[in-house]
Amino acid sequence: MHYQGSCHCGEVRYKVEIDLSNPIVCNCSYCERRGSILAFTPAGNFELERGEERLTEYRFNTKNIQHLFCADCGMESFSRGATPDGTKMVAVNVRCLEDVDIDSLTPAPFDGRSH
């Protein structure tokens, strides 16, 4: 399905084609504190429409995931990374997508602490 997404203030906006049937909640030290629900899509299914210049980056642990925040409101609505085989992916915070009924989702736990 196609969705529109944004940070809280709207300075960062994107459109994405993404499957929301298998979202996750991760228990790593970072995700657990952030409380997002994540869904993943190949980078080619993601188009940043506005706000590249507003993004600031945070990396931790293996430094493989580019956590991107709006410099104005601080919201991380998506991050960029790659699968082990090198396929570029985008992780979208489903809570930042428009017109998604969060209560209808059944996110699976992911043990990020052990990875």
Protein backbone atom coordinates (compact mmCIF):
# COMPACT_ATOMS: atom_id res chain seq x y z
CA MET A 1 0.00 0.00 0.00
CA HIS A 2 1.04 3.60 -0.51
CA TYR A 3 1.23 6.02 2.40
CA GLN A 4 2.26 9.56 3.19
CA GLY A 5 4.41 10.16 6.25
CA SER A 6 6.10 12.98 8.08
CA CYS A 7 7.82 14.14 11.20
CA HIS A 8 5.75 15.93 13.84
CA CYS A 9 6.16 19.46 12.46
CA GLY A 10 5.87 18.42 8.81
CA GLU A 11 9.25 19.78 7.67
CA VAL A 12 10.23 16.21 6.69
CA ARG A 13 7.68 14.56 4.38
CA TYR A 14 7.80 11.38 2.35
CA LYS A 15 5.74 8.86 0.45
CA VAL A 16 6.31 5.15 0.77
CA GLU A 17 5.02 1.88 -0.58
CA ILE A 18 5.13 -0.50 2.35
CA ASP A 19 3.50 -3.67 3.66
CA LEU A 20 2.14 -3.17 7.19
CA SER A 21 1.16 -6.82 7.73
CA ASN A 22 4.38 -7.67 9.65
CA PRO A 23 5.47 -4.67 11.74
CA ILE A 24 7.82 -5.13 14.67
CA VAL A 25 8.63 -3.60 18.03
CA CYS A 26 12.29 -3.96 18.91
CA ASN A 27 13.69 -4.28 22.43
CA CYS A 28 17.21 -2.92 21.76
CA SER A 29 18.35 -0.14 24.08
CA TYR A 30 17.41 2.50 21.52
CA CYS A 31 14.09 1.27 20.12
CA GLU A 32 12.71 0.32 23.50
CA ARG A 33 13.08 3.89 24.70
CA ARG A 34 11.73 5.37 21.47
CA GLY A 35 8.58 3.23 21.39
CA SER A 36 8.12 3.14 17.64
CA ILE A 37 6.45 0.45 15.56
CA LEU A 38 8.65 -0.39 12.58
CA ALA A 39 7.93 -1.67 9.09
CA PHE A 40 10.57 -2.16 6.41
CA THR A 41 10.66 -1.55 2.69
CA PRO A 42 13.31 -1.52 -0.04
CA ALA A 43 14.84 1.94 -0.47
CA GLY A 44 13.37 2.18 -3.97
CA ASN A 45 9.86 2.20 -2.46
CA PHE A 46 10.62 5.32 -0.40
CA GLU A 47 10.66 8.88 -1.70
CA LEU A 48 11.67 11.78 0.52
CA GLU A 49 9.55 14.65 -0.78
CA ARG A 50 10.82 17.38 1.51
CA GLY A 51 13.28 17.96 4.32
CA GLU A 52 16.61 16.30 3.41
CA GLU A 53 18.40 19.43 4.62
CA ARG A 54 16.46 19.29 7.93
CA LEU A 55 17.64 15.76 8.81
CA THR A 56 20.25 15.11 11.44
CA GLU A 57 21.81 11.68 11.96
CA TYR A 58 22.50 9.41 14.91
CA ARG A 59 24.34 6.06 14.73
CA PHE A 60 25.12 3.69 17.57
CA ASN A 61 26.41 0.17 18.26
CA THR A 62 27.46 -1.23 14.85
CA LYS A 63 26.73 2.17 13.23
CA ASN A 64 25.01 0.44 10.30
CA ILE A 65 21.64 2.15 10.71
CA GLN A 66 21.30 5.81 9.85
CA HIS A 67 18.71 7.09 12.37
CA LEU A 68 17.44 10.36 10.92
CA PHE A 69 15.73 13.10 12.94
CA CYS A 70 14.02 16.32 11.98
CA ALA A 71 16.26 19.10 13.30
CA ASP A 72 13.16 21.16 14.14
CA CYS A 73 10.87 18.79 16.06
CA GLY A 74 13.27 15.92 16.87
CA MET A 75 11.01 13.22 15.42
CA GLU A 76 12.57 10.14 13.84
CA SER A 77 9.99 9.07 11.30
CA PHE A 78 12.31 6.78 9.32
CA SER A 79 15.84 5.40 9.19
CA ARG A 80 18.05 4.01 6.46
CA GLY A 81 20.15 0.87 6.46
CA ALA A 82 20.84 -2.34 4.58
CA THR A 83 20.10 -6.03 4.95
CA PRO A 84 23.04 -8.42 5.53
CA ASP A 85 23.25 -9.01 1.75
CA GLY A 86 23.61 -5.25 1.14
CA THR A 87 20.08 -4.50 -0.05
CA LYS A 88 19.30 -0.89 0.89
CA MET A 89 16.24 -0.65 3.12
CA VAL A 90 14.20 1.99 4.91
CA ALA A 91 12.65 1.38 8.32
CA VAL A 92 9.53 3.48 8.75
CA ASN A 93 8.04 4.44 12.09
CA VAL A 94 4.46 3.38 11.35
CA ARG A 95 3.22 5.86 13.95
CA CYS A 96 4.34 8.63 11.56
CA LEU A 97 2.23 7.43 8.62
CA GLU A 98 -1.05 9.16 7.81
CA ASP A 99 -4.35 7.25 7.87
CA VAL A 100 -3.06 4.12 9.61
CA ASP A 101 -5.19 2.55 12.33
CA ILE A 102 -2.41 1.66 14.79
CA ASP A 103 -4.81 -0.43 16.91
CA SER A 104 -5.46 -2.74 13.95
CA LEU A 105 -1.78 -3.73 13.72
CA THR A 106 -0.26 -6.72 15.49
CA PRO A 107 3.44 -5.91 15.79
CA ALA A 108 5.71 -8.85 16.53
CA PRO A 109 8.42 -8.52 19.15
CA PHE A 110 11.98 -8.48 17.79
CA ASP A 111 14.89 -9.29 20.10
CA GLY A 112 17.26 -6.52 19.04
CA ARG A 113 19.08 -6.77 22.39
CA SER A 114 20.60 -10.07 21.29
CA HIS A 115 21.70 -8.93 17.83
